[in-house]
Amino acid sequence: MDGKAIRYFYRLSDTVPTVSGEVMKAGLGKETCNFWKPKFKAGEFTSALYDYTFKDGHSSFVLNAYECE
């Protein structure tokens, strides 16, 4: 955790193909905002960084509080 930003690091199965952070963010979609929205609104956090390591690469994305309003 960095200030009011939280970071998640994931090592995915070798069978999962490498995709961009934008694709990961889109795939997680509304469920991710539904989880974070109360925490953002309460001021617990301002953003969440998702960092993925694949067998053949890496991707990440940041979900900011304003994206879940």
PDB file of N, CA and C in Angstrom:
ATOM      1  N   MET A   1       0.850  -1.168   0.000  1.00  0.00           N
ATOM      2  CA  MET A   1       0.000   0.000   0.000  1.00  0.00           C
ATOM      3  C   MET A   1       0.895   1.230   0.000  1.00  0.00           C
ATOM      4  N   ASP A   2       0.510   2.207  -0.790  1.00  0.00           N
ATOM      5  CA  ASP A   2       1.300   3.424  -0.929  1.00  0.00           C
ATOM      6  C   ASP A   2       0.377   4.615  -0.719  1.00  0.00           C
ATOM      7  N   GLY A   3       0.422   5.236   0.469  1.00  0.00           N
ATOM      8  CA  GLY A   3      -0.520   6.309   0.766  1.00  0.00           C
ATOM      9  C   GLY A   3      -1.925   5.756   0.768  1.00  0.00           C
ATOM     10  N   LYS A   4      -2.737   6.251  -0.140  1.00  0.00           N
ATOM     11  CA  LYS A   4      -4.096   5.739  -0.262  1.00  0.00           C
ATOM     12  C   LYS A   4      -4.262   4.937  -1.546  1.00  0.00           C
ATOM     13  N   ALA A   5      -3.161   4.478  -2.084  1.00  0.00           N
ATOM     14  CA  ALA A   5      -3.178   3.596  -3.261  1.00  0.00           C
ATOM     15  C   ALA A   5      -2.815   2.195  -2.786  1.00  0.00           C
ATOM     16  N   ILE A   6      -3.544   1.228  -3.264  1.00  0.00           N
ATOM     17  CA  ILE A   6      -3.249  -0.161  -2.911  1.00  0.00           C
ATOM     18  C   ILE A   6      -2.774  -0.877  -4.164  1.00  0.00           C
ATOM     19  N   ARG A   7      -1.875  -1.819  -3.990  1.00  0.00           N
ATOM     20  CA  ARG A   7      -1.300  -2.545  -5.126  1.00  0.00           C
ATOM     21  C   ARG A   7      -1.507  -4.037  -4.938  1.00  0.00           C
ATOM     22  N   TYR A   8      -1.917  -4.665  -6.023  1.00  0.00           N
ATOM     23  CA  TYR A   8      -2.075  -6.123  -6.063  1.00  0.00           C
ATOM     24  C   TYR A   8      -1.132  -6.676  -7.117  1.00  0.00           C
ATOM     25  N   PHE A   9      -0.417  -7.725  -6.763  1.00  0.00           N
ATOM     26  CA  PHE A   9       0.500  -8.374  -7.693  1.00  0.00           C
ATOM     27  C   PHE A   9       0.052  -9.816  -7.888  1.00  0.00           C
ATOM     28  N   TYR A  10      -0.056 -10.208  -9.150  1.00  0.00           N
ATOM     29  CA  TYR A  10      -0.518 -11.550  -9.491  1.00  0.00           C
ATOM     30  C   TYR A  10       0.474 -12.233 -10.417  1.00  0.00           C
ATOM     31  N   ARG A  11       0.723 -13.504 -10.169  1.00  0.00           N
ATOM     32  CA  ARG A  11       1.490 -14.360 -11.082  1.00  0.00           C
ATOM     33  C   ARG A  11       0.482 -15.340 -11.635  1.00  0.00           C
ATOM     34  N   LEU A  12       0.209 -15.230 -12.931  1.00  0.00           N
ATOM     35  CA  LEU A  12      -0.826 -16.060 -13.539  1.00  0.00           C
ATOM     36  C   LEU A  12      -0.250 -17.366 -14.076  1.00  0.00           C
ATOM     37  N   SER A  13      -1.117 -18.322 -14.238  1.00  0.00           N
ATOM     38  CA  SER A  13      -0.743 -19.627 -14.758  1.00  0.00           C
ATOM     39  C   SER A  13      -0.028 -19.491 -16.098  1.00  0.00           C
ATOM     40  N   ASP A  14       0.905 -20.364 -16.342  1.00  0.00           N
ATOM     41  CA  ASP A  14       1.645 -20.354 -17.606  1.00  0.00           C
ATOM     42  C   ASP A  14       0.746 -20.566 -18.814  1.00  0.00           C
ATOM     43  N   THR A  15      -0.456 -21.073 -18.600  1.00  0.00           N
ATOM     44  CA  THR A  15      -1.366 -21.316 -19.720  1.00  0.00           C
ATOM     45  C   THR A  15      -2.160 -20.067 -20.115  1.00  0.00           C
ATOM     46  N   VAL A  16      -2.108 -19.022 -19.292  1.00  0.00           N
ATOM     47  CA  VAL A  16      -2.837 -17.784 -19.582  1.00  0.00           C
ATOM     48  C   VAL A  16      -1.994 -16.932 -20.527  1.00  0.00           C
ATOM     49  N   PRO A  17      -2.550 -16.561 -21.686  1.00  0.00           N
ATOM     50  CA  PRO A  17      -1.778 -15.751 -22.631  1.00  0.00           C
ATOM     51  C   PRO A  17      -1.603 -14.320 -22.113  1.00  0.00           C
ATOM     52  N   THR A  18      -0.503 -13.712 -22.482  1.00  0.00           N
ATOM     53  CA  THR A  18      -0.233 -12.331 -22.095  1.00  0.00           C
ATOM     54  C   THR A  18      -1.203 -11.390 -22.793  1.00  0.00           C
ATOM     55  N   VAL A  19      -1.823 -10.503 -22.018  1.00  0.00           N
ATOM     56  CA  VAL A  19      -2.723  -9.489 -22.564  1.00  0.00           C
ATOM     57  C   VAL A  19      -2.380  -8.148 -21.917  1.00  0.00           C
ATOM     58  N   SER A  20      -2.815  -7.089 -22.543  1.00  0.00           N
ATOM     59  CA  SER A  20      -2.517  -5.747 -22.045  1.00  0.00           C
ATOM     60  C   SER A  20      -3.310  -5.429 -20.778  1.00  0.00           C
ATOM     61  N   GLY A  21      -2.855  -4.425 -20.074  1.00  0.00           N
ATOM     62  CA  GLY A  21      -3.567  -3.955 -18.903  1.00  0.00           C
ATOM     63  C   GLY A  21      -4.963  -3.475 -19.243  1.00  0.00           C
ATOM     64  N   GLU A  22      -5.104  -2.844 -20.405  1.00  0.00           N
ATOM     65  CA  GLU A  22      -6.421  -2.359 -20.833  1.00  0.00           C
ATOM     66  C   GLU A  22      -7.403  -3.515 -21.004  1.00  0.00           C
ATOM     67  N   VAL A  23      -6.915  -4.613 -21.571  1.00  0.00           N
ATOM     68  CA  VAL A  23      -7.771  -5.795 -21.755  1.00  0.00           C
ATOM     69  C   VAL A  23      -8.136  -6.390 -20.397  1.00  0.00           C
ATOM     70  N   MET A  24      -7.182  -6.458 -19.497  1.00  0.00           N
ATOM     71  CA  MET A  24      -7.459  -6.989 -18.156  1.00  0.00           C
ATOM     72  C   MET A  24      -8.489  -6.110 -17.448  1.00  0.00           C
ATOM     73  N   LYS A  25      -8.308  -4.795 -17.534  1.00  0.00           N
ATOM     74  CA  LYS A  25      -9.224  -3.860 -16.883  1.00  0.00           C
ATOM     75  C   LYS A  25     -10.631  -3.995 -17.450  1.00  0.00           C
ATOM     76  N   ALA A  26     -10.735  -4.069 -18.755  1.00  0.00           N
ATOM     77  CA  ALA A  26     -12.043  -4.224 -19.401  1.00  0.00           C
ATOM     78  C   ALA A  26     -12.688  -5.549 -19.003  1.00  0.00           C
ATOM     79  N   GLY A  27     -11.890  -6.598 -18.895  1.00  0.00           N
ATOM     80  CA  GLY A  27     -12.414  -7.908 -18.532  1.00  0.00           C
ATOM     81  C   GLY A  27     -12.937  -7.959 -17.104  1.00  0.00           C
ATOM     82  N   LEU A  28     -12.301  -7.224 -16.215  1.00  0.00           N
ATOM     83  CA  LEU A  28     -12.759  -7.190 -14.825  1.00  0.00           C
ATOM     84  C   LEU A  28     -13.966  -6.282 -14.658  1.00  0.00           C
ATOM     85  N   GLY A  29     -14.019  -5.253 -15.482  1.00  0.00           N
ATOM     86  CA  GLY A  29     -15.183  -4.391 -15.621  1.00  0.00           C
ATOM     87  C   GLY A  29     -15.883  -3.928 -14.371  1.00  0.00           C
ATOM     88  N   LYS A  30     -17.192  -3.971 -14.449  1.00  0.00           N
ATOM     89  CA  LYS A  30     -18.062  -3.398 -13.431  1.00  0.00           C
ATOM     90  C   LYS A  30     -17.862  -4.045 -12.052  1.00  0.00           C
ATOM     91  N   GLU A  31     -17.556  -5.329 -12.020  1.00  0.00           N
ATOM     92  CA  GLU A  31     -17.376  -6.013 -10.735  1.00  0.00           C
ATOM     93  C   GLU A  31     -16.259  -5.380  -9.920  1.00  0.00           C
ATOM     94  N   THR A  32     -15.206  -4.944 -10.607  1.00  0.00           N
ATOM     95  CA  THR A  32     -14.090  -4.319  -9.910  1.00  0.00           C
ATOM     96  C   THR A  32     -14.530  -2.998  -9.289  1.00  0.00           C
ATOM     97  N   CYS A  33     -15.250  -2.184 -10.049  1.00  0.00           N
ATOM     98  CA  CYS A  33     -15.754  -0.918  -9.505  1.00  0.00           C
ATOM     99  C   CYS A  33     -16.742  -1.170  -8.372  1.00  0.00           C
ATOM    100  N   ASN A  34     -17.583  -2.169  -8.513  1.00  0.00           N
ATOM    101  CA  ASN A  34     -18.536  -2.482  -7.449  1.00  0.00           C
ATOM    102  C   ASN A  34     -17.818  -2.814  -6.145  1.00  0.00           C
ATOM    103  N   PHE A  35     -16.687  -3.491  -6.241  1.00  0.00           N
ATOM    104  CA  PHE A  35     -15.899  -3.831  -5.051  1.00  0.00           C
ATOM    105  C   PHE A  35     -15.255  -2.583  -4.449  1.00  0.00           C
ATOM    106  N   TRP A  36     -14.631  -1.760  -5.291  1.00  0.00           N
ATOM    107  CA  TRP A  36     -13.853  -0.618  -4.805  1.00  0.00           C
ATOM    108  C   TRP A  36     -14.661   0.624  -4.497  1.00  0.00           C
ATOM    109  N   LYS A  37     -15.794   0.789  -5.114  1.00  0.00           N
ATOM    110  CA  LYS A  37     -16.560   2.030  -4.967  1.00  0.00           C
ATOM    111  C   LYS A  37     -16.802   2.431  -3.507  1.00  0.00           C
ATOM    112  N   PRO A  38     -17.267   1.527  -2.636  1.00  0.00           N
ATOM    113  CA  PRO A  38     -17.474   1.933  -1.233  1.00  0.00           C
ATOM    114  C   PRO A  38     -16.171   2.353  -0.541  1.00  0.00           C
ATOM    115  N   LYS A  39     -15.079   1.682  -0.876  1.00  0.00           N
ATOM    116  CA  LYS A  39     -13.787   2.014  -0.266  1.00  0.00           C
ATOM    117  C   LYS A  39     -13.277   3.362  -0.771  1.00  0.00           C
ATOM    118  N   PHE A  40     -13.477   3.624  -2.058  1.00  0.00           N
ATOM    119  CA  PHE A  40     -13.105   4.926  -2.614  1.00  0.00           C
ATOM    120  C   PHE A  40     -13.962   6.025  -1.987  1.00  0.00           C
ATOM    121  N   LYS A  41     -15.251   5.789  -1.930  1.00  0.00           N
ATOM    122  CA  LYS A  41     -16.185   6.787  -1.412  1.00  0.00           C
ATOM    123  C   LYS A  41     -15.894   7.114   0.056  1.00  0.00           C
ATOM    124  N   ALA A  42     -15.512   6.111   0.832  1.00  0.00           N
ATOM    125  CA  ALA A  42     -15.188   6.303   2.245  1.00  0.00           C
ATOM    126  C   ALA A  42     -13.826   6.958   2.454  1.00  0.00           C
ATOM    127  N   GLY A  43     -13.066   7.106   1.372  1.00  0.00           N
ATOM    128  CA  GLY A  43     -11.744   7.721   1.491  1.00  0.00           C
ATOM    129  C   GLY A  43     -10.650   6.776   1.932  1.00  0.00           C
ATOM    130  N   GLU A  44     -10.961   5.475   1.992  1.00  0.00           N
ATOM    131  CA  GLU A  44      -9.947   4.495   2.385  1.00  0.00           C
ATOM    132  C   GLU A  44      -8.807   4.446   1.374  1.00  0.00           C
ATOM    133  N   PHE A  45      -9.171   4.500   0.089  1.00  0.00           N
ATOM    134  CA  PHE A  45      -8.194   4.419  -0.986  1.00  0.00           C
ATOM    135  C   PHE A  45      -8.589   5.392  -2.092  1.00  0.00           C
ATOM    136  N   THR A  46      -7.597   5.787  -2.881  1.00  0.00           N
ATOM    137  CA  THR A  46      -7.853   6.650  -4.035  1.00  0.00           C
ATOM    138  C   THR A  46      -7.640   5.902  -5.343  1.00  0.00           C
ATOM    139  N   SER A  47      -6.906   4.798  -5.280  1.00  0.00           N
ATOM    140  CA  SER A  47      -6.670   4.006  -6.489  1.00  0.00           C
ATOM    141  C   SER A  47      -6.221   2.597  -6.121  1.00  0.00           C
ATOM    142  N   ALA A  48      -6.340   1.713  -7.109  1.00  0.00           N
ATOM    143  CA  ALA A  48      -5.884   0.331  -6.950  1.00  0.00           C
ATOM    144  C   ALA A  48      -5.076  -0.038  -8.191  1.00  0.00           C
ATOM    145  N   LEU A  49      -3.851  -0.480  -7.986  1.00  0.00           N
ATOM    146  CA  LEU A  49      -2.986  -0.921  -9.077  1.00  0.00           C
ATOM    147  C   LEU A  49      -3.039  -2.435  -9.145  1.00  0.00           C
ATOM    148  N   TYR A  50      -3.316  -2.944 -10.317  1.00  0.00           N
ATOM    149  CA  TYR A  50      -3.298  -4.389 -10.570  1.00  0.00           C
ATOM    150  C   TYR A  50      -2.112  -4.685 -11.469  1.00  0.00           C
ATOM    151  N   ASP A  51      -1.246  -5.568 -11.019  1.00  0.00           N
ATOM    152  CA  ASP A  51      -0.011  -5.879 -11.733  1.00  0.00           C
ATOM    153  C   ASP A  51       0.030  -7.390 -11.994  1.00  0.00           C
ATOM    154  N   TYR A  52       0.106  -7.763 -13.268  1.00  0.00           N
ATOM    155  CA  TYR A  52       0.045  -9.176 -13.660  1.00  0.00           C
ATOM    156  C   TYR A  52       1.349  -9.616 -14.320  1.00  0.00           C
ATOM    157  N   THR A  53       1.854 -10.759 -13.888  1.00  0.00           N
ATOM    158  CA  THR A  53       2.999 -11.379 -14.525  1.00  0.00           C
ATOM    159  C   THR A  53       2.517 -12.647 -15.208  1.00  0.00           C
ATOM    160  N   PHE A  54       2.788 -12.724 -16.495  1.00  0.00           N
ATOM    161  CA  PHE A  54       2.440 -13.883 -17.304  1.00  0.00           C
ATOM    162  C   PHE A  54       3.726 -14.649 -17.615  1.00  0.00           C
ATOM    163  N   LYS A  55       3.583 -15.843 -18.154  1.00  0.00           N
ATOM    164  CA  LYS A  55       4.755 -16.621 -18.542  1.00  0.00           C
ATOM    165  C   LYS A  55       5.640 -15.824 -19.502  1.00  0.00           C
ATOM    166  N   ASP A  56       5.011 -15.137 -20.456  1.00  0.00           N
ATOM    167  CA  ASP A  56       5.770 -14.449 -21.497  1.00  0.00           C
ATOM    168  C   ASP A  56       5.672 -12.929 -21.429  1.00  0.00           C
ATOM    169  N   GLY A  57       5.315 -12.376 -20.299  1.00  0.00           N
ATOM    170  CA  GLY A  57       5.233 -10.928 -20.249  1.00  0.00           C
ATOM    171  C   GLY A  57       4.600 -10.395 -18.983  1.00  0.00           C
ATOM    172  N   HIS A  58       4.244  -9.127 -19.074  1.00  0.00           N
ATOM    173  CA  HIS A  58       3.754  -8.409 -17.911  1.00  0.00           C
ATOM    174  C   HIS A  58       2.749  -7.358 -18.366  1.00  0.00           C
ATOM    175  N   SER A  59       1.750  -7.075 -17.544  1.00  0.00           N
ATOM    176  CA  SER A  59       0.843  -5.959 -17.809  1.00  0.00           C
ATOM    177  C   SER A  59       0.301  -5.448 -16.486  1.00  0.00           C
ATOM    178  N   SER A  60      -0.224  -4.248 -16.536  1.00  0.00           N
ATOM    179  CA  SER A  60      -0.793  -3.663 -15.326  1.00  0.00           C
ATOM    180  C   SER A  60      -1.802  -2.594 -15.706  1.00  0.00           C
ATOM    181  N   PHE A  61      -2.615  -2.217 -14.736  1.00  0.00           N
ATOM    182  CA  PHE A  61      -3.516  -1.091 -14.909  1.00  0.00           C
ATOM    183  C   PHE A  61      -3.823  -0.491 -13.551  1.00  0.00           C
ATOM    184  N   VAL A  62      -4.251   0.761 -13.567  1.00  0.00           N
ATOM    185  CA  VAL A  62      -4.655   1.457 -12.361  1.00  0.00           C
ATOM    186  C   VAL A  62      -6.144   1.761 -12.464  1.00  0.00           C
ATOM    187  N   LEU A  63      -6.859   1.481 -11.418  1.00  0.00           N
ATOM    188  CA  LEU A  63      -8.258   1.850 -11.303  1.00  0.00           C
ATOM    189  C   LEU A  63      -8.332   3.017 -10.341  1.00  0.00           C
ATOM    190  N   ASN A  64      -8.755   4.171 -10.813  1.00  0.00           N
ATOM    191  CA  ASN A  64      -8.852   5.369  -9.988  1.00  0.00           C
ATOM    192  C   ASN A  64     -10.279   5.558  -9.492  1.00  0.00           C
ATOM    193  N   ALA A  65     -10.394   6.217  -8.346  1.00  0.00           N
ATOM    194  CA  ALA A  65     -11.698   6.426  -7.728  1.00  0.00           C
ATOM    195  C   ALA A  65     -12.686   7.084  -8.687  1.00  0.00           C
ATOM    196  N   TYR A  66     -12.247   8.076  -9.440  1.00  0.00           N
ATOM    197  CA  TYR A  66     -13.172   8.798 -10.340  1.00  0.00           C
ATOM    198  C   TYR A  66     -13.742   7.902 -11.432  1.00  0.00           C
ATOM    199  N   GLU A  67     -13.099   6.770 -11.719  1.00  0.00           N
ATOM    200  CA  GLU A  67     -13.604   5.850 -12.739  1.00  0.00           C
ATOM    201  C   GLU A  67     -14.802   5.037 -12.244  1.00  0.00           C
ATOM    202  N   CYS A  68     -15.038   5.063 -10.955  1.00  0.00           N
ATOM    203  CA  CYS A  68     -16.106   4.253 -10.359  1.00  0.00           C
ATOM    204  C   CYS A  68     -17.232   5.110  -9.781  1.00  0.00           C
ATOM    205  N   GLU A  69     -17.312   6.354 -10.188  1.00  0.00           N
ATOM    206  CA  GLU A  69     -18.368   7.232  -9.672  1.00  0.00           C
ATOM    207  C   GLU A  69     -19.671   6.969 -10.368  1.00  0.00           C
TER     208      GLU A  69
END
